[in-house]
Amino acid sequence: MARENKVDAALGALRKAIDGLENAIDMRIELQRENRDVEGEVRRVHADRARLAQELDQSEFRANRLEEVNREVSRRLVTAMETIRAVLDR
């Protein structure tokens, strides 16, 4: 009988250890799943950042080009006004 009690106790301890191991495995799998989700989100954020940086660069280029065109138009308007003034003064 004492031997059966020891075997039962050992089996109980083994079952408890196996249950603990299964719980640890389940937690590990869930953690890995969450990590994959986070990694996917980080990749999406990096892709969005790269796209936004490219759009910003393009917008800055267009803004600089518009400034150049604006200066050229202003210069031409000044030249035209001076020419008109010169013609009217004659």
PDB file of N, CA and C in Angstrom:
ATOM      1  N   MET A   1       0.788  -1.197   0.000  1.00  0.00           N
ATOM      2  CA  MET A   1       0.000   0.000   0.000  1.00  0.00           C
ATOM      3  C   MET A   1       0.836   1.271   0.000  1.00  0.00           C
ATOM      4  N   ALA A   2       1.875   1.276   0.795  1.00  0.00           N
ATOM      5  CA  ALA A   2       2.724   2.457   0.856  1.00  0.00           C
ATOM      6  C   ALA A   2       3.357   2.721  -0.491  1.00  0.00           C
ATOM      7  N   ARG A   3       3.663   1.625  -1.176  1.00  0.00           N
ATOM      8  CA  ARG A   3       4.278   1.776  -2.496  1.00  0.00           C
ATOM      9  C   ARG A   3       3.269   2.389  -3.472  1.00  0.00           C
ATOM     10  N   GLU A   4       2.005   1.960  -3.399  1.00  0.00           N
ATOM     11  CA  GLU A   4       0.965   2.507  -4.272  1.00  0.00           C
ATOM     12  C   GLU A   4       0.756   3.993  -3.988  1.00  0.00           C
ATOM     13  N   ASN A   5       0.816   4.370  -2.732  1.00  0.00           N
ATOM     14  CA  ASN A   5       0.677   5.788  -2.367  1.00  0.00           C
ATOM     15  C   ASN A   5       1.818   6.613  -2.954  1.00  0.00           C
ATOM     16  N   LYS A   6       3.019   6.038  -2.915  1.00  0.00           N
ATOM     17  CA  LYS A   6       4.168   6.749  -3.486  1.00  0.00           C
ATOM     18  C   LYS A   6       4.014   6.883  -4.989  1.00  0.00           C
ATOM     19  N   VAL A   7       3.541   5.836  -5.643  1.00  0.00           N
ATOM     20  CA  VAL A   7       3.335   5.878  -7.096  1.00  0.00           C
ATOM     21  C   VAL A   7       2.243   6.889  -7.427  1.00  0.00           C
ATOM     22  N   ASP A   8       1.141   6.858  -6.659  1.00  0.00           N
ATOM     23  CA  ASP A   8       0.056   7.815  -6.879  1.00  0.00           C
ATOM     24  C   ASP A   8       0.544   9.247  -6.673  1.00  0.00           C
ATOM     25  N   ALA A   9       1.342   9.442  -5.642  1.00  0.00           N
ATOM     26  CA  ALA A   9       1.885  10.781  -5.376  1.00  0.00           C
ATOM     27  C   ALA A   9       2.810  11.215  -6.504  1.00  0.00           C
ATOM     28  N   ALA A  10       3.632  10.286  -6.971  1.00  0.00           N
ATOM     29  CA  ALA A  10       4.542  10.602  -8.077  1.00  0.00           C
ATOM     30  C   ALA A  10       3.759  10.914  -9.343  1.00  0.00           C
ATOM     31  N   LEU A  11       2.699  10.118  -9.605  1.00  0.00           N
ATOM     32  CA  LEU A  11       1.868  10.378 -10.787  1.00  0.00           C
ATOM     33  C   LEU A  11       1.156  11.728 -10.665  1.00  0.00           C
ATOM     34  N   GLY A  12       0.694  12.029  -9.470  1.00  0.00           N
ATOM     35  CA  GLY A  12       0.044  13.333  -9.237  1.00  0.00           C
ATOM     36  C   GLY A  12       1.019  14.477  -9.486  1.00  0.00           C
ATOM     37  N   ALA A  13       2.241  14.327  -8.984  1.00  0.00           N
ATOM     38  CA  ALA A  13       3.259  15.357  -9.197  1.00  0.00           C
ATOM     39  C   ALA A  13       3.598  15.475 -10.678  1.00  0.00           C
ATOM     40  N   LEU A  14       3.645  14.325 -11.368  1.00  0.00           N
ATOM     41  CA  LEU A  14       3.935  14.334 -12.801  1.00  0.00           C
ATOM     42  C   LEU A  14       2.817  15.039 -13.573  1.00  0.00           C
ATOM     43  N   ARG A  15       1.562  14.725 -13.212  1.00  0.00           N
ATOM     44  CA  ARG A  15       0.419  15.388 -13.869  1.00  0.00           C
ATOM     45  C   ARG A  15       0.473  16.897 -13.634  1.00  0.00           C
ATOM     46  N   LYS A  16       0.774  17.281 -12.402  1.00  0.00           N
ATOM     47  CA  LYS A  16       0.866  18.709 -12.064  1.00  0.00           C
ATOM     48  C   LYS A  16       1.976  19.380 -12.873  1.00  0.00           C
ATOM     49  N   ALA A  17       3.115  18.710 -12.990  1.00  0.00           N
ATOM     50  CA  ALA A  17       4.235  19.253 -13.766  1.00  0.00           C
ATOM     51  C   ALA A  17       3.865  19.370 -15.244  1.00  0.00           C
ATOM     52  N   ILE A  18       3.167  18.340 -15.758  1.00  0.00           N
ATOM     53  CA  ILE A  18       2.751  18.370 -17.163  1.00  0.00           C
ATOM     54  C   ILE A  18       1.744  19.507 -17.394  1.00  0.00           C
ATOM     55  N   ASP A  19       0.795  19.673 -16.462  1.00  0.00           N
ATOM     56  CA  ASP A  19      -0.168  20.777 -16.568  1.00  0.00           C
ATOM     57  C   ASP A  19       0.555  22.129 -16.563  1.00  0.00           C
ATOM     58  N   GLY A  20       1.524  22.252 -15.683  1.00  0.00           N
ATOM     59  CA  GLY A  20       2.309  23.496 -15.637  1.00  0.00           C
ATOM     60  C   GLY A  20       3.063  23.728 -16.938  1.00  0.00           C
ATOM     61  N   LEU A  21       3.622  22.673 -17.489  1.00  0.00           N
ATOM     62  CA  LEU A  21       4.345  22.767 -18.754  1.00  0.00           C
ATOM     63  C   LEU A  21       3.401  23.164 -19.884  1.00  0.00           C
ATOM     64  N   GLU A  22       2.215  22.542 -19.912  1.00  0.00           N
ATOM     65  CA  GLU A  22       1.233  22.886 -20.943  1.00  0.00           C
ATOM     66  C   GLU A  22       0.806  24.344 -20.832  1.00  0.00           C
ATOM     67  N   ASN A  23       0.606  24.804 -19.603  1.00  0.00           N
ATOM     68  CA  ASN A  23       0.252  26.219 -19.406  1.00  0.00           C
ATOM     69  C   ASN A  23       1.373  27.134 -19.870  1.00  0.00           C
ATOM     70  N   ALA A  24       2.607  26.781 -19.560  1.00  0.00           N
ATOM     71  CA  ALA A  24       3.754  27.584 -19.981  1.00  0.00           C
ATOM     72  C   ALA A  24       3.853  27.611 -21.507  1.00  0.00           C
ATOM     73  N   ILE A  25       3.604  26.478 -22.147  1.00  0.00           N
ATOM     74  CA  ILE A  25       3.642  26.408 -23.614  1.00  0.00           C
ATOM     75  C   ILE A  25       2.541  27.276 -24.205  1.00  0.00           C
ATOM     76  N   ASP A  26       1.328  27.183 -23.642  1.00  0.00           N
ATOM     77  CA  ASP A  26       0.218  28.007 -24.125  1.00  0.00           C
ATOM     78  C   ASP A  26       0.538  29.494 -23.996  1.00  0.00           C
ATOM     79  N   MET A  27       1.109  29.879 -22.853  1.00  0.00           N
ATOM     80  CA  MET A  27       1.471  31.295 -22.658  1.00  0.00           C
ATOM     81  C   MET A  27       2.544  31.718 -23.659  1.00  0.00           C
ATOM     82  N   ARG A  28       3.507  30.841 -23.889  1.00  0.00           N
ATOM     83  CA  ARG A  28       4.588  31.142 -24.841  1.00  0.00           C
ATOM     84  C   ARG A  28       4.032  31.316 -26.254  1.00  0.00           C
ATOM     85  N   ILE A  29       3.132  30.438 -26.649  1.00  0.00           N
ATOM     86  CA  ILE A  29       2.519  30.532 -27.983  1.00  0.00           C
ATOM     87  C   ILE A  29       1.746  31.842 -28.107  1.00  0.00           C
ATOM     88  N   GLU A  30       0.993  32.195 -27.080  1.00  0.00           N
ATOM     89  CA  GLU A  30       0.226  33.450 -27.098  1.00  0.00           C
ATOM     90  C   GLU A  30       1.165  34.654 -27.169  1.00  0.00           C
ATOM     91  N   LEU A  31       2.240  34.610 -26.423  1.00  0.00           N
ATOM     92  CA  LEU A  31       3.221  35.693 -26.438  1.00  0.00           C
ATOM     93  C   LEU A  31       3.847  35.835 -27.827  1.00  0.00           C
ATOM     94  N   GLN A  32       4.186  34.719 -28.450  1.00  0.00           N
ATOM     95  CA  GLN A  32       4.753  34.768 -29.799  1.00  0.00           C
ATOM     96  C   GLN A  32       3.740  35.335 -30.789  1.00  0.00           C
ATOM     97  N   ARG A  33       2.470  34.963 -30.647  1.00  0.00           N
ATOM     98  CA  ARG A  33       1.421  35.481 -31.515  1.00  0.00           C
ATOM     99  C   ARG A  33       1.304  36.997 -31.342  1.00  0.00           C
ATOM    100  N   GLU A  34       1.324  37.453 -30.094  1.00  0.00           N
ATOM    101  CA  GLU A  34       1.260  38.887 -29.825  1.00  0.00           C
ATOM    102  C   GLU A  34       2.483  39.600 -30.394  1.00  0.00           C
ATOM    103  N   ASN A  35       3.658  38.980 -30.265  1.00  0.00           N
ATOM    104  CA  ASN A  35       4.880  39.575 -30.814  1.00  0.00           C
ATOM    105  C   ASN A  35       4.782  39.708 -32.331  1.00  0.00           C
ATOM    106  N   ARG A  36       4.229  38.678 -32.995  1.00  0.00           N
ATOM    107  CA  ARG A  36       4.056  38.761 -34.448  1.00  0.00           C
ATOM    108  C   ARG A  36       3.111  39.894 -34.810  1.00  0.00           C
ATOM    109  N   ASP A  37       2.055  40.046 -34.016  1.00  0.00           N
ATOM    110  CA  ASP A  37       1.116  41.139 -34.265  1.00  0.00           C
ATOM    111  C   ASP A  37       1.805  42.491 -34.119  1.00  0.00           C
ATOM    112  N   VAL A  38       2.603  42.620 -33.068  1.00  0.00           N
ATOM    113  CA  VAL A  38       3.327  43.875 -32.828  1.00  0.00           C
ATOM    114  C   VAL A  38       4.344  44.111 -33.940  1.00  0.00           C
ATOM    115  N   GLU A  39       5.064  43.072 -34.326  1.00  0.00           N
ATOM    116  CA  GLU A  39       6.051  43.216 -35.395  1.00  0.00           C
ATOM    117  C   GLU A  39       5.378  43.632 -36.700  1.00  0.00           C
ATOM    118  N   GLY A  40       4.217  43.063 -36.977  1.00  0.00           N
ATOM    119  CA  GLY A  40       3.472  43.453 -38.174  1.00  0.00           C
ATOM    120  C   GLY A  40       3.056  44.909 -38.109  1.00  0.00           C
ATOM    121  N   GLU A  41       2.607  45.347 -36.952  1.00  0.00           N
ATOM    122  CA  GLU A  41       2.211  46.751 -36.779  1.00  0.00           C
ATOM    123  C   GLU A  41       3.416  47.671 -36.938  1.00  0.00           C
ATOM    124  N   VAL A  42       4.551  47.264 -36.395  1.00  0.00           N
ATOM    125  CA  VAL A  42       5.778  48.072 -36.536  1.00  0.00           C
ATOM    126  C   VAL A  42       6.162  48.191 -38.011  1.00  0.00           C
ATOM    127  N   ARG A  43       6.053  47.078 -38.752  1.00  0.00           N
ATOM    128  CA  ARG A  43       6.357  47.131 -40.190  1.00  0.00           C
ATOM    129  C   ARG A  43       5.407  48.078 -40.914  1.00  0.00           C
ATOM    130  N   ARG A  44       4.126  48.035 -40.542  1.00  0.00           N
ATOM    131  CA  ARG A  44       3.151  48.938 -41.171  1.00  0.00           C
ATOM    132  C   ARG A  44       3.463  50.390 -40.839  1.00  0.00           C
ATOM    133  N   VAL A  45       3.851  50.653 -39.594  1.00  0.00           N
ATOM    134  CA  VAL A  45       4.190  52.024 -39.185  1.00  0.00           C
ATOM    135  C   VAL A  45       5.415  52.509 -39.960  1.00  0.00           C
ATOM    136  N   HIS A  46       6.413  51.645 -40.115  1.00  0.00           N
ATOM    137  CA  HIS A  46       7.613  52.029 -40.867  1.00  0.00           C
ATOM    138  C   HIS A  46       7.267  52.301 -42.336  1.00  0.00           C
ATOM    139  N   ALA A  47       6.403  51.486 -42.912  1.00  0.00           N
ATOM    140  CA  ALA A  47       5.987  51.696 -44.303  1.00  0.00           C
ATOM    141  C   ALA A  47       5.234  53.008 -44.423  1.00  0.00           C
ATOM    142  N   ASP A  48       4.343  53.294 -43.471  1.00  0.00           N
ATOM    143  CA  ASP A  48       3.611  54.574 -43.490  1.00  0.00           C
ATOM    144  C   ASP A  48       4.574  55.741 -43.351  1.00  0.00           C
ATOM    145  N   ARG A  49       5.538  55.586 -42.468  1.00  0.00           N
ATOM    146  CA  ARG A  49       6.516  56.661 -42.259  1.00  0.00           C
ATOM    147  C   ARG A  49       7.311  56.928 -43.535  1.00  0.00           C
ATOM    148  N   ALA A  50       7.732  55.856 -44.195  1.00  0.00           N
ATOM    149  CA  ALA A  50       8.494  56.011 -45.437  1.00  0.00           C
ATOM    150  C   ALA A  50       7.637  56.687 -46.508  1.00  0.00           C
ATOM    151  N   ARG A  51       6.361  56.272 -46.601  1.00  0.00           N
ATOM    152  CA  ARG A  51       5.462  56.877 -47.587  1.00  0.00           C
ATOM    153  C   ARG A  51       5.247  58.357 -47.273  1.00  0.00           C
ATOM    154  N   LEU A  52       5.026  58.670 -46.003  1.00  0.00           N
ATOM    155  CA  LEU A  52       4.816  60.063 -45.606  1.00  0.00           C
ATOM    156  C   LEU A  52       6.067  60.904 -45.834  1.00  0.00           C
ATOM    157  N   ALA A  53       7.233  60.337 -45.573  1.00  0.00           N
ATOM    158  CA  ALA A  53       8.485  61.067 -45.814  1.00  0.00           C
ATOM    159  C   ALA A  53       8.636  61.364 -47.297  1.00  0.00           C
ATOM    160  N   GLN A  54       8.288  60.401 -48.138  1.00  0.00           N
ATOM    161  CA  GLN A  54       8.372  60.616 -49.586  1.00  0.00           C
ATOM    162  C   GLN A  54       7.373  61.690 -50.026  1.00  0.00           C
ATOM    163  N   GLU A  55       6.160  61.636 -49.493  1.00  0.00           N
ATOM    164  CA  GLU A  55       5.162  62.650 -49.839  1.00  0.00           C
ATOM    165  C   GLU A  55       5.609  64.025 -49.373  1.00  0.00           C
ATOM    166  N   LEU A  56       6.233  64.094 -48.193  1.00  0.00           N
ATOM    167  CA  LEU A  56       6.741  65.366 -47.687  1.00  0.00           C
ATOM    168  C   LEU A  56       7.834  65.907 -48.604  1.00  0.00           C
ATOM    169  N   ASP A  57       8.742  65.043 -49.013  1.00  0.00           N
ATOM    170  CA  ASP A  57       9.802  65.469 -49.936  1.00  0.00           C
ATOM    171  C   ASP A  57       9.214  66.010 -51.230  1.00  0.00           C
ATOM    172  N   GLN A  58       8.211  65.321 -51.761  1.00  0.00           N
ATOM    173  CA  GLN A  58       7.571  65.774 -52.992  1.00  0.00           C
ATOM    174  C   GLN A  58       6.866  67.108 -52.780  1.00  0.00           C
ATOM    175  N   SER A  59       6.209  67.263 -51.646  1.00  0.00           N
ATOM    176  CA  SER A  59       5.520  68.525 -51.348  1.00  0.00           C
ATOM    177  C   SER A  59       6.516  69.668 -51.206  1.00  0.00           C
ATOM    178  N   GLU A  60       7.625  69.396 -50.545  1.00  0.00           N
ATOM    179  CA  GLU A  60       8.654  70.427 -50.401  1.00  0.00           C
ATOM    180  C   GLU A  60       9.220  70.805 -51.765  1.00  0.00           C
ATOM    181  N   PHE A  61       9.428  69.827 -52.632  1.00  0.00           N
ATOM    182  CA  PHE A  61       9.927  70.109 -53.975  1.00  0.00           C
ATOM    183  C   PHE A  61       8.937  71.003 -54.723  1.00  0.00           C
ATOM    184  N   ARG A  62       7.638  70.631 -54.661  1.00  0.00           N
ATOM    185  CA  ARG A  62       6.616  71.442 -55.339  1.00  0.00           C
ATOM    186  C   ARG A  62       6.550  72.844 -54.759  1.00  0.00           C
ATOM    187  N   ALA A  63       6.647  72.963 -53.434  1.00  0.00           N
ATOM    188  CA  ALA A  63       6.614  74.282 -52.792  1.00  0.00           C
ATOM    189  C   ALA A  63       7.800  75.123 -53.254  1.00  0.00           C
ATOM    190  N   ASN A  64       8.982  74.517 -53.314  1.00  0.00           N
ATOM    191  CA  ASN A  64      10.164  75.260 -53.786  1.00  0.00           C
ATOM    192  C   ASN A  64       9.999  75.678 -55.240  1.00  0.00           C
ATOM    193  N   ARG A  65       9.454  74.777 -56.042  1.00  0.00           N
ATOM    194  CA  ARG A  65       9.232  75.098 -57.466  1.00  0.00           C
ATOM    195  C   ARG A  65       8.230  76.238 -57.599  1.00  0.00           C
ATOM    196  N   LEU A  66       7.167  76.210 -56.807  1.00  0.00           N
ATOM    197  CA  LEU A  66       6.179  77.292 -56.839  1.00  0.00           C
ATOM    198  C   LEU A  66       6.799  78.622 -56.417  1.00  0.00           C
ATOM    199  N   GLU A  67       7.682  78.589 -55.433  1.00  0.00           N
ATOM    200  CA  GLU A  67       8.377  79.816 -55.024  1.00  0.00           C
ATOM    201  C   GLU A  67       9.208  80.366 -56.179  1.00  0.00           C
ATOM    202  N   GLU A  68       9.914  79.482 -56.871  1.00  0.00           N
ATOM    203  CA  GLU A  68      10.722  79.921 -58.018  1.00  0.00           C
ATOM    204  C   GLU A  68       9.842  80.530 -59.100  1.00  0.00           C
ATOM    205  N   VAL A  69       8.747  79.862 -59.418  1.00  0.00           N
ATOM    206  CA  VAL A  69       7.830  80.361 -60.447  1.00  0.00           C
ATOM    207  C   VAL A  69       7.229  81.683 -59.996  1.00  0.00           C
ATOM    208  N   ASN A  70       6.883  81.787 -58.722  1.00  0.00           N
ATOM    209  CA  ASN A  70       6.312  83.020 -58.193  1.00  0.00           C
ATOM    210  C   ASN A  70       7.302  84.179 -58.329  1.00  0.00           C
ATOM    211  N   ARG A  71       8.572  83.927 -58.002  1.00  0.00           N
ATOM    212  CA  ARG A  71       9.590  84.980 -58.148  1.00  0.00           C
ATOM    213  C   ARG A  71       9.739  85.402 -59.617  1.00  0.00           C
ATOM    214  N   GLU A  72       9.717  84.416 -60.507  1.00  0.00           N
ATOM    215  CA  GLU A  72       9.838  84.722 -61.939  1.00  0.00           C
ATOM    216  C   GLU A  72       8.641  85.535 -62.426  1.00  0.00           C
ATOM    217  N   VAL A  73       7.449  85.161 -61.998  1.00  0.00           N
ATOM    218  CA  VAL A  73       6.243  85.913 -62.387  1.00  0.00           C
ATOM    219  C   VAL A  73       6.321  87.326 -61.836  1.00  0.00           C
ATOM    220  N   SER A  74       6.736  87.470 -60.589  1.00  0.00           N
ATOM    221  CA  SER A  74       6.873  88.807 -59.997  1.00  0.00           C
ATOM    222  C   SER A  74       7.881  89.640 -60.772  1.00  0.00           C
ATOM    223  N   ARG A  75       9.001  89.029 -61.125  1.00  0.00           N
ATOM    224  CA  ARG A  75      10.020  89.756 -61.893  1.00  0.00           C
ATOM    225  C   ARG A  75       9.460  90.212 -63.232  1.00  0.00           C
ATOM    226  N   ARG A  76       8.736  89.337 -63.893  1.00  0.00           N
ATOM    227  CA  ARG A  76       8.151  89.687 -65.200  1.00  0.00           C
ATOM    228  C   ARG A  76       7.085  90.769 -65.058  1.00  0.00           C
ATOM    229  N   LEU A  77       6.291  90.694 -63.983  1.00  0.00           N
ATOM    230  CA  LEU A  77       5.282  91.740 -63.762  1.00  0.00           C
ATOM    231  C   LEU A  77       5.943  93.096 -63.534  1.00  0.00           C
ATOM    232  N   VAL A  78       7.004  93.110 -62.757  1.00  0.00           N
ATOM    233  CA  VAL A  78       7.725  94.364 -62.518  1.00  0.00           C
ATOM    234  C   VAL A  78       8.269  94.895 -63.838  1.00  0.00           C
ATOM    235  N   THR A  79       8.851  94.015 -64.641  1.00  0.00           N
ATOM    236  CA  THR A  79       9.381  94.439 -65.950  1.00  0.00           C
ATOM    237  C   THR A  79       8.260  94.983 -66.827  1.00  0.00           C
ATOM    238  N   ALA A  80       7.120  94.304 -66.843  1.00  0.00           N
ATOM    239  CA  ALA A  80       5.989  94.750 -67.660  1.00  0.00           C
ATOM    240  C   ALA A  80       5.468  96.095 -67.166  1.00  0.00           C
ATOM    241  N   MET A  81       5.371  96.258 -65.833  1.00  0.00           N
ATOM    242  CA  MET A  81       4.887  97.540 -65.301  1.00  0.00           C
ATOM    243  C   MET A  81       5.860  98.665 -65.643  1.00  0.00           C
ATOM    244  N   GLU A  82       7.142  98.399 -65.559  1.00  0.00           N
ATOM    245  CA  GLU A  82       8.145  99.417 -65.900  1.00  0.00           C
ATOM    246  C   GLU A  82       8.059  99.773 -67.381  1.00  0.00           C
ATOM    247  N   THR A  83       7.823  98.756 -68.205  1.00  0.00           N
ATOM    248  CA  THR A  83       7.700  99.013 -69.645  1.00  0.00           C
ATOM    249  C   THR A  83       6.447  99.842 -69.923  1.00  0.00           C
ATOM    250  N   ILE A  84       5.343  99.498 -69.294  1.00  0.00           N
ATOM    251  CA  ILE A  84       4.101 100.261 -69.482  1.00  0.00           C
ATOM    252  C   ILE A  84       4.289 101.679 -68.987  1.00  0.00           C
ATOM    253  N   ARG A  85       4.900 101.857 -67.846  1.00  0.00           N
ATOM    254  CA  ARG A  85       5.163 103.192 -67.288  1.00  0.00           C
ATOM    255  C   ARG A  85       6.046 104.002 -68.240  1.00  0.00           C
ATOM    256  N   ALA A  86       7.049 103.348 -68.813  1.00  0.00           N
ATOM    257  CA  ALA A  86       7.950 104.037 -69.727  1.00  0.00           C
ATOM    258  C   ALA A  86       7.199 104.461 -70.982  1.00  0.00           C
ATOM    259  N   VAL A  87       6.303 103.594 -71.482  1.00  0.00           N
ATOM    260  CA  VAL A  87       5.527 103.950 -72.675  1.00  0.00           C
ATOM    261  C   VAL A  87       4.572 105.087 -72.361  1.00  0.00           C
ATOM    262  N   LEU A  88       3.935 105.079 -71.211  1.00  0.00           N
ATOM    263  CA  LEU A  88       2.988 106.105 -70.848  1.00  0.00           C
ATOM    264  C   LEU A  88       3.686 107.454 -70.597  1.00  0.00           C
ATOM    265  N   ASP A  89       4.923 107.404 -70.141  1.00  0.00           N
ATOM    266  CA  ASP A  89       5.663 108.622 -69.858  1.00  0.00           C
ATOM    267  C   ASP A  89       6.108 109.317 -71.123  1.00  0.00           C
ATOM    268  N   ARG A  90       6.115 108.646 -72.245  1.00  0.00           N
ATOM    269  CA  ARG A  90       6.585 109.236 -73.507  1.00  0.00           C
ATOM    270  C   ARG A  90       5.576 110.119 -74.069  1.00  0.00           C
TER     271      ARG A  90
END
